[in-house]
Amino acid sequence: MRALDFLRGQFIENSNGIPLTKIKAFRRALVADAIRTIKWRDWTEQKIYHGYMPIKVAGEYHFEPFWILHHILLEMKLVRHYRDRLLLSKAGAALFACCFDSFNVIAQDILFRTPYFEESRVRGGIMGHMGYLAECA
C-alpha cells in the first residue's frame, strides 16, 4: 500500500508522467526517495547501501519490490512507457483515483494471476488446505 501510495504521489506531482532512464527504469533519485519513503521491512537503506555488496547509488534493480511492482503494473496495463516517461493508462488513472481500489486489484493480481509468484502459491499453499475447502462446500 505504501509503494502504491508513493507512486500515486509521483503521478500527481509529475503530471506529464514519471521520468525514466533510457532503459525504461525509474531514475535513481526517485528510487532513493522511494527507499526512504516506503520503508520496506527487508529493504532498508542500511541493507541496500551497506549490505552484502555496498553501493553508492541504488537503481530500480537494487530495490526489488519496487522493480516487481513496476513490472506488475506494466503487465496489468495500468501504466505504459512513452518515450522517457511512465504514464498512467485510462484504466490506471481510474484505479489510482482511489487508493484502496488500486490495492485491492493489484493484490488480487499478485496473489492469483502473476506468474512471478506462481511457485510461491503452489509451494506455500496460499489457497489453504484443500480438505478444509471440501468441508466448507
N, C-alpha and C. Protein backbone atom coordinates (compact mmCIF):
# COMPACT_ATOMS: atom_id res chain seq x y z
N MET A 1 0.83 -1.19 0.00
CA MET A 1 0.00 0.00 0.00
C MET A 1 0.88 1.25 0.00
N ARG A 2 1.98 1.22 0.77
CA ARG A 2 2.87 2.39 0.80
C ARG A 2 3.53 2.62 -0.55
N ALA A 3 3.89 1.54 -1.24
CA ALA A 3 4.51 1.69 -2.56
C ALA A 3 3.51 2.25 -3.57
N LEU A 4 2.27 1.78 -3.52
CA LEU A 4 1.24 2.32 -4.41
C LEU A 4 0.96 3.78 -4.10
N ASP A 5 0.92 4.12 -2.81
CA ASP A 5 0.69 5.50 -2.41
C ASP A 5 1.85 6.38 -2.87
N PHE A 6 3.07 5.87 -2.77
CA PHE A 6 4.23 6.62 -3.24
C PHE A 6 4.12 6.88 -4.74
N LEU A 7 3.79 5.86 -5.52
CA LEU A 7 3.65 6.03 -6.97
C LEU A 7 2.50 6.98 -7.30
N ARG A 8 1.43 6.87 -6.58
CA ARG A 8 0.29 7.77 -6.80
C ARG A 8 0.73 9.22 -6.59
N GLY A 9 1.50 9.46 -5.53
CA GLY A 9 2.03 10.80 -5.28
C GLY A 9 2.94 11.29 -6.39
N GLN A 10 3.74 10.37 -6.94
CA GLN A 10 4.62 10.73 -8.05
C GLN A 10 3.83 11.09 -9.30
N PHE A 11 2.75 10.35 -9.56
CA PHE A 11 1.91 10.67 -10.72
C PHE A 11 1.21 12.01 -10.54
N ILE A 12 0.82 12.32 -9.31
CA ILE A 12 0.18 13.62 -9.04
C ILE A 12 1.21 14.74 -9.20
N GLU A 13 2.40 14.53 -8.67
CA GLU A 13 3.46 15.54 -8.72
C GLU A 13 3.96 15.76 -10.15
N ASN A 14 4.07 14.70 -10.92
CA ASN A 14 4.56 14.77 -12.30
C ASN A 14 3.40 14.54 -13.26
N SER A 15 2.71 15.60 -13.60
CA SER A 15 1.50 15.45 -14.44
C SER A 15 1.82 14.93 -15.84
N ASN A 16 3.05 15.10 -16.30
CA ASN A 16 3.44 14.59 -17.62
C ASN A 16 3.99 13.18 -17.56
N GLY A 17 3.91 12.53 -16.42
CA GLY A 17 4.42 11.17 -16.25
C GLY A 17 5.70 11.16 -15.43
N ILE A 18 6.01 10.00 -14.90
CA ILE A 18 7.22 9.83 -14.08
C ILE A 18 8.42 9.66 -15.00
N PRO A 19 9.46 10.48 -14.83
CA PRO A 19 10.65 10.36 -15.70
C PRO A 19 11.35 9.01 -15.52
N LEU A 20 11.81 8.45 -16.64
CA LEU A 20 12.51 7.17 -16.64
C LEU A 20 13.89 7.34 -17.25
N THR A 21 14.73 6.33 -17.06
CA THR A 21 16.04 6.31 -17.70
C THR A 21 15.88 5.81 -19.13
N LYS A 22 16.97 5.75 -19.86
CA LYS A 22 16.92 5.28 -21.25
C LYS A 22 16.51 3.81 -21.35
N ILE A 23 16.77 3.03 -20.29
CA ILE A 23 16.40 1.61 -20.31
C ILE A 23 15.03 1.37 -19.67
N LYS A 24 14.24 2.43 -19.52
CA LYS A 24 12.86 2.38 -19.02
C LYS A 24 12.77 1.96 -17.55
N ALA A 25 13.74 2.33 -16.75
CA ALA A 25 13.72 2.08 -15.31
C ALA A 25 13.50 3.42 -14.60
N PHE A 26 13.05 3.36 -13.35
CA PHE A 26 12.90 4.59 -12.58
C PHE A 26 14.28 5.23 -12.37
N ARG A 27 14.32 6.54 -12.37
CA ARG A 27 15.58 7.25 -12.15
C ARG A 27 16.06 7.00 -10.72
N ARG A 28 17.37 7.07 -10.56
CA ARG A 28 17.98 6.75 -9.27
C ARG A 28 17.55 7.67 -8.15
N ALA A 29 17.32 8.94 -8.44
CA ALA A 29 16.86 9.87 -7.41
C ALA A 29 15.48 9.46 -6.90
N LEU A 30 14.63 9.01 -7.81
CA LEU A 30 13.29 8.54 -7.43
C LEU A 30 13.39 7.27 -6.60
N VAL A 31 14.27 6.37 -6.98
CA VAL A 31 14.45 5.12 -6.23
C VAL A 31 14.97 5.42 -4.83
N ALA A 32 15.92 6.34 -4.72
CA ALA A 32 16.44 6.70 -3.39
C ALA A 32 15.33 7.29 -2.53
N ASP A 33 14.49 8.12 -3.13
CA ASP A 33 13.36 8.69 -2.40
C ASP A 33 12.37 7.60 -2.00
N ALA A 34 12.14 6.64 -2.88
CA ALA A 34 11.24 5.52 -2.59
C ALA A 34 11.77 4.67 -1.44
N ILE A 35 13.06 4.41 -1.43
CA ILE A 35 13.66 3.61 -0.35
C ILE A 35 13.44 4.30 1.00
N ARG A 36 13.64 5.63 1.03
CA ARG A 36 13.44 6.38 2.28
C ARG A 36 11.97 6.45 2.67
N THR A 37 11.09 6.62 1.70
CA THR A 37 9.67 6.85 1.97
C THR A 37 8.91 5.57 2.29
N ILE A 38 9.11 4.54 1.48
CA ILE A 38 8.32 3.31 1.60
C ILE A 38 8.71 2.52 2.86
N LYS A 39 9.99 2.46 3.16
CA LYS A 39 10.49 1.73 4.34
C LYS A 39 10.01 0.28 4.36
N TRP A 40 10.35 -0.44 3.29
CA TRP A 40 10.03 -1.86 3.18
C TRP A 40 10.84 -2.61 4.22
N ARG A 41 10.24 -3.56 4.88
CA ARG A 41 10.87 -4.21 6.03
C ARG A 41 12.24 -4.81 5.73
N ASP A 42 12.35 -5.59 4.69
CA ASP A 42 13.62 -6.26 4.38
C ASP A 42 14.49 -5.48 3.41
N TRP A 43 14.04 -4.29 3.01
CA TRP A 43 14.77 -3.49 2.03
C TRP A 43 15.03 -2.10 2.60
N THR A 44 15.76 -2.03 3.69
CA THR A 44 16.05 -0.76 4.34
C THR A 44 17.24 -0.09 3.66
N GLU A 45 17.42 1.20 3.93
CA GLU A 45 18.58 1.92 3.39
C GLU A 45 19.88 1.25 3.82
N GLN A 46 19.93 0.83 5.07
CA GLN A 46 21.13 0.19 5.60
C GLN A 46 21.48 -1.07 4.81
N LYS A 47 20.47 -1.92 4.55
CA LYS A 47 20.73 -3.17 3.83
C LYS A 47 21.05 -2.94 2.37
N ILE A 48 20.40 -1.97 1.75
CA ILE A 48 20.63 -1.73 0.32
C ILE A 48 21.99 -1.08 0.09
N TYR A 49 22.28 -0.02 0.84
CA TYR A 49 23.52 0.73 0.60
C TYR A 49 24.75 0.16 1.28
N HIS A 50 24.57 -0.53 2.40
CA HIS A 50 25.72 -1.02 3.16
C HIS A 50 25.66 -2.53 3.39
N GLY A 51 24.90 -3.22 2.58
CA GLY A 51 24.70 -4.66 2.76
C GLY A 51 25.85 -5.49 2.22
N TYR A 52 25.51 -6.61 1.64
CA TYR A 52 26.48 -7.59 1.16
C TYR A 52 27.48 -6.96 0.18
N MET A 53 26.97 -6.25 -0.81
CA MET A 53 27.83 -5.57 -1.77
C MET A 53 27.51 -4.09 -1.71
N PRO A 54 28.22 -3.29 -0.93
CA PRO A 54 27.90 -1.87 -0.76
C PRO A 54 27.86 -1.11 -2.09
N ILE A 55 26.85 -0.26 -2.23
CA ILE A 55 26.71 0.57 -3.42
C ILE A 55 26.54 2.02 -2.98
N LYS A 56 26.85 2.94 -3.88
CA LYS A 56 26.71 4.36 -3.56
C LYS A 56 25.34 4.88 -3.96
N VAL A 57 24.85 4.45 -5.12
CA VAL A 57 23.57 4.92 -5.64
C VAL A 57 22.75 3.71 -6.06
N ALA A 58 21.52 3.63 -5.57
CA ALA A 58 20.67 2.47 -5.87
C ALA A 58 19.85 2.73 -7.12
N GLY A 59 19.81 1.73 -7.98
CA GLY A 59 18.94 1.77 -9.14
C GLY A 59 17.68 0.96 -8.83
N GLU A 60 16.76 0.95 -9.77
CA GLU A 60 15.50 0.22 -9.56
C GLU A 60 15.74 -1.25 -9.27
N TYR A 61 16.70 -1.86 -9.92
CA TYR A 61 17.00 -3.28 -9.74
C TYR A 61 17.60 -3.59 -8.37
N HIS A 62 18.09 -2.59 -7.65
CA HIS A 62 18.58 -2.80 -6.29
C HIS A 62 17.45 -2.87 -5.27
N PHE A 63 16.30 -2.31 -5.61
CA PHE A 63 15.14 -2.26 -4.72
C PHE A 63 14.07 -3.15 -5.36
N GLU A 64 14.25 -4.47 -5.18
CA GLU A 64 13.46 -5.46 -5.90
C GLU A 64 11.94 -5.31 -5.77
N PRO A 65 11.38 -5.05 -4.60
CA PRO A 65 9.92 -4.92 -4.52
C PRO A 65 9.38 -3.80 -5.42
N PHE A 66 10.11 -2.72 -5.53
CA PHE A 66 9.71 -1.60 -6.39
C PHE A 66 9.81 -1.99 -7.85
N TRP A 67 10.86 -2.72 -8.19
CA TRP A 67 11.06 -3.22 -9.56
C TRP A 67 9.93 -4.17 -9.95
N ILE A 68 9.56 -5.07 -9.04
CA ILE A 68 8.47 -6.01 -9.30
C ILE A 68 7.15 -5.28 -9.48
N LEU A 69 6.87 -4.30 -8.64
CA LEU A 69 5.64 -3.53 -8.76
C LEU A 69 5.58 -2.81 -10.10
N HIS A 70 6.69 -2.25 -10.55
CA HIS A 70 6.75 -1.58 -11.85
C HIS A 70 6.33 -2.55 -12.95
N HIS A 71 6.86 -3.75 -12.92
CA HIS A 71 6.55 -4.72 -13.97
C HIS A 71 5.14 -5.28 -13.86
N ILE A 72 4.63 -5.42 -12.66
CA ILE A 72 3.25 -5.87 -12.48
C ILE A 72 2.28 -4.83 -13.04
N LEU A 73 2.55 -3.57 -12.76
CA LEU A 73 1.70 -2.50 -13.30
C LEU A 73 1.73 -2.48 -14.83
N LEU A 74 2.90 -2.77 -15.40
CA LEU A 74 3.00 -2.85 -16.87
C LEU A 74 2.23 -4.05 -17.41
N GLU A 75 2.37 -5.20 -16.77
CA GLU A 75 1.65 -6.41 -17.22
C GLU A 75 0.15 -6.23 -17.13
N MET A 76 -0.32 -5.52 -16.11
CA MET A 76 -1.75 -5.29 -15.94
C MET A 76 -2.27 -4.17 -16.84
N LYS A 77 -1.33 -3.54 -17.58
CA LYS A 77 -1.65 -2.43 -18.47
C LYS A 77 -2.27 -1.24 -17.75
N LEU A 78 -1.82 -1.01 -16.52
CA LEU A 78 -2.25 0.16 -15.75
C LEU A 78 -1.34 1.35 -16.02
N VAL A 79 -0.13 1.07 -16.48
CA VAL A 79 0.82 2.11 -16.87
C VAL A 79 1.42 1.71 -18.21
N ARG A 80 2.04 2.69 -18.86
CA ARG A 80 2.73 2.41 -20.12
C ARG A 80 3.94 3.31 -20.23
N HIS A 81 4.92 2.84 -20.98
CA HIS A 81 6.10 3.65 -21.25
C HIS A 81 5.84 4.47 -22.50
N TYR A 82 6.15 5.73 -22.45
CA TYR A 82 6.07 6.58 -23.63
C TYR A 82 7.29 7.47 -23.63
N ARG A 83 8.17 7.22 -24.57
CA ARG A 83 9.46 7.89 -24.66
C ARG A 83 10.23 7.72 -23.35
N ASP A 84 10.46 8.76 -22.63
CA ASP A 84 11.24 8.63 -21.39
C ASP A 84 10.37 8.86 -20.16
N ARG A 85 9.11 8.48 -20.26
CA ARG A 85 8.16 8.71 -19.17
C ARG A 85 7.31 7.46 -18.91
N LEU A 86 6.84 7.35 -17.67
CA LEU A 86 5.88 6.31 -17.30
C LEU A 86 4.54 7.01 -17.12
N LEU A 87 3.57 6.63 -17.93
CA LEU A 87 2.26 7.27 -17.92
C LEU A 87 1.20 6.30 -17.45
N LEU A 88 0.16 6.83 -16.81
CA LEU A 88 -0.99 6.01 -16.43
C LEU A 88 -1.86 5.78 -17.66
N SER A 89 -2.36 4.57 -17.82
CA SER A 89 -3.36 4.31 -18.85
C SER A 89 -4.71 4.80 -18.33
N LYS A 90 -5.74 4.73 -19.15
CA LYS A 90 -7.07 5.15 -18.70
C LYS A 90 -7.53 4.29 -17.52
N ALA A 91 -7.29 2.98 -17.62
CA ALA A 91 -7.66 2.08 -16.53
C ALA A 91 -6.84 2.38 -15.28
N GLY A 92 -5.56 2.68 -15.46
CA GLY A 92 -4.70 3.00 -14.33
C GLY A 92 -5.10 4.29 -13.65
N ALA A 93 -5.47 5.30 -14.43
CA ALA A 93 -5.90 6.58 -13.85
C ALA A 93 -7.17 6.40 -13.05
N ALA A 94 -8.10 5.59 -13.57
CA ALA A 94 -9.35 5.34 -12.83
C ALA A 94 -9.07 4.57 -11.55
N LEU A 95 -8.15 3.61 -11.61
CA LEU A 95 -7.84 2.79 -10.46
C LEU A 95 -7.06 3.56 -9.40
N PHE A 96 -6.11 4.40 -9.81
CA PHE A 96 -5.30 5.15 -8.87
C PHE A 96 -6.07 6.32 -8.24
N ALA A 97 -7.25 6.61 -8.75
CA ALA A 97 -8.05 7.69 -8.15
C ALA A 97 -8.44 7.33 -6.72
N CYS A 98 -8.63 6.04 -6.44
CA CYS A 98 -8.95 5.60 -5.08
C CYS A 98 -7.88 4.60 -4.65
N CYS A 99 -7.15 4.93 -3.59
CA CYS A 99 -6.03 4.10 -3.13
C CYS A 99 -6.44 2.67 -2.83
N PHE A 100 -7.55 2.49 -2.14
CA PHE A 100 -7.92 1.15 -1.71
C PHE A 100 -8.36 0.28 -2.88
N ASP A 101 -8.97 0.86 -3.89
CA ASP A 101 -9.34 0.10 -5.08
C ASP A 101 -8.09 -0.41 -5.78
N SER A 102 -7.08 0.46 -5.91
CA SER A 102 -5.86 0.04 -6.59
C SER A 102 -5.17 -1.07 -5.81
N PHE A 103 -5.13 -0.96 -4.49
CA PHE A 103 -4.52 -2.01 -3.68
C PHE A 103 -5.26 -3.33 -3.87
N ASN A 104 -6.59 -3.30 -3.83
CA ASN A 104 -7.41 -4.49 -3.96
C ASN A 104 -7.15 -5.20 -5.29
N VAL A 105 -7.18 -4.47 -6.38
CA VAL A 105 -7.00 -5.06 -7.71
C VAL A 105 -5.59 -5.60 -7.87
N ILE A 106 -4.59 -4.83 -7.48
CA ILE A 106 -3.20 -5.25 -7.66
C ILE A 106 -2.86 -6.42 -6.74
N ALA A 107 -3.36 -6.42 -5.51
CA ALA A 107 -3.11 -7.54 -4.60
C ALA A 107 -3.71 -8.83 -5.15
N GLN A 108 -4.91 -8.75 -5.69
CA GLN A 108 -5.52 -9.95 -6.28
C GLN A 108 -4.71 -10.45 -7.46
N ASP A 109 -4.22 -9.54 -8.28
CA ASP A 109 -3.42 -9.94 -9.43
C ASP A 109 -2.12 -10.58 -8.98
N ILE A 110 -1.47 -10.00 -7.97
CA ILE A 110 -0.21 -10.56 -7.46
C ILE A 110 -0.45 -11.95 -6.88
N LEU A 111 -1.49 -12.09 -6.09
CA LEU A 111 -1.73 -13.36 -5.41
C LEU A 111 -2.21 -14.48 -6.33
N PHE A 112 -3.04 -14.15 -7.31
CA PHE A 112 -3.71 -15.21 -8.05
C PHE A 112 -3.38 -15.30 -9.53
N ARG A 113 -2.76 -14.28 -10.13
CA ARG A 113 -2.55 -14.34 -11.57
C ARG A 113 -1.11 -14.14 -12.03
N THR A 114 -0.29 -13.47 -11.28
CA THR A 114 1.06 -13.15 -11.74
C THR A 114 1.94 -14.40 -11.74
N PRO A 115 2.53 -14.74 -12.90
CA PRO A 115 3.39 -15.93 -12.97
C PRO A 115 4.61 -15.84 -12.05
N TYR A 116 5.08 -14.63 -11.76
CA TYR A 116 6.25 -14.45 -10.92
C TYR A 116 6.07 -15.11 -9.57
N PHE A 117 4.86 -15.12 -9.04
CA PHE A 117 4.60 -15.66 -7.72
C PHE A 117 3.94 -17.04 -7.75
N GLU A 118 3.83 -17.64 -8.93
CA GLU A 118 3.14 -18.93 -9.06
C GLU A 118 3.79 -20.01 -8.21
N GLU A 119 5.12 -20.08 -8.22
CA GLU A 119 5.81 -21.10 -7.43
C GLU A 119 5.52 -20.92 -5.94
N SER A 120 5.50 -19.69 -5.48
CA SER A 120 5.21 -19.42 -4.07
C SER A 120 3.80 -19.84 -3.71
N ARG A 121 2.86 -19.64 -4.63
CA ARG A 121 1.47 -20.02 -4.35
C ARG A 121 1.35 -21.53 -4.22
N VAL A 122 2.00 -22.26 -5.11
CA VAL A 122 1.90 -23.71 -5.10
C VAL A 122 2.67 -24.29 -3.91
N ARG A 123 3.91 -23.85 -3.74
CA ARG A 123 4.77 -24.38 -2.68
C ARG A 123 4.28 -23.94 -1.30
N GLY A 124 3.85 -22.69 -1.17
CA GLY A 124 3.46 -22.17 0.12
C GLY A 124 2.03 -22.47 0.50
N GLY A 125 1.24 -23.00 -0.43
CA GLY A 125 -0.13 -23.35 -0.13
C GLY A 125 -0.99 -22.14 0.20
N ILE A 126 -0.92 -21.12 -0.64
CA ILE A 126 -1.66 -19.90 -0.36
C ILE A 126 -3.17 -20.12 -0.40
N MET A 127 -3.61 -21.10 -1.11
CA MET A 127 -5.05 -21.36 -1.21
C MET A 127 -5.57 -22.14 0.00
N GLY A 128 -4.70 -22.55 0.89
CA GLY A 128 -5.13 -23.27 2.07
C GLY A 128 -5.19 -24.77 1.85
N HIS A 129 -5.57 -25.47 2.87
CA HIS A 129 -5.67 -26.92 2.81
C HIS A 129 -6.93 -27.31 2.04
N MET A 130 -6.80 -28.11 1.01
CA MET A 130 -7.92 -28.44 0.15
C MET A 130 -8.99 -29.24 0.89
N GLY A 131 -8.62 -30.01 1.90
CA GLY A 131 -9.61 -30.74 2.67
C GLY A 131 -10.56 -29.79 3.38
N TYR A 132 -10.04 -28.69 3.85
CA TYR A 132 -10.86 -27.67 4.50
C TYR A 132 -11.85 -27.08 3.52
N LEU A 133 -11.42 -26.86 2.29
CA LEU A 133 -12.31 -26.29 1.29
C LEU A 133 -13.44 -27.26 0.95
N ALA A 134 -13.14 -28.56 0.94
CA ALA A 134 -14.16 -29.56 0.65
C ALA A 134 -15.19 -29.61 1.78
N GLU A 135 -14.74 -29.44 3.04
CA GLU A 135 -15.67 -29.45 4.17
C GLU A 135 -16.62 -28.28 4.13
N CYS A 136 -16.15 -27.13 3.63
CA CYS A 136 -16.97 -25.92 3.59
C CYS A 136 -18.03 -25.99 2.51
N ALA A 137 -17.79 -26.77 1.48
CA ALA A 137 -18.71 -26.80 0.33
C ALA A 137 -19.92 -27.64 0.54
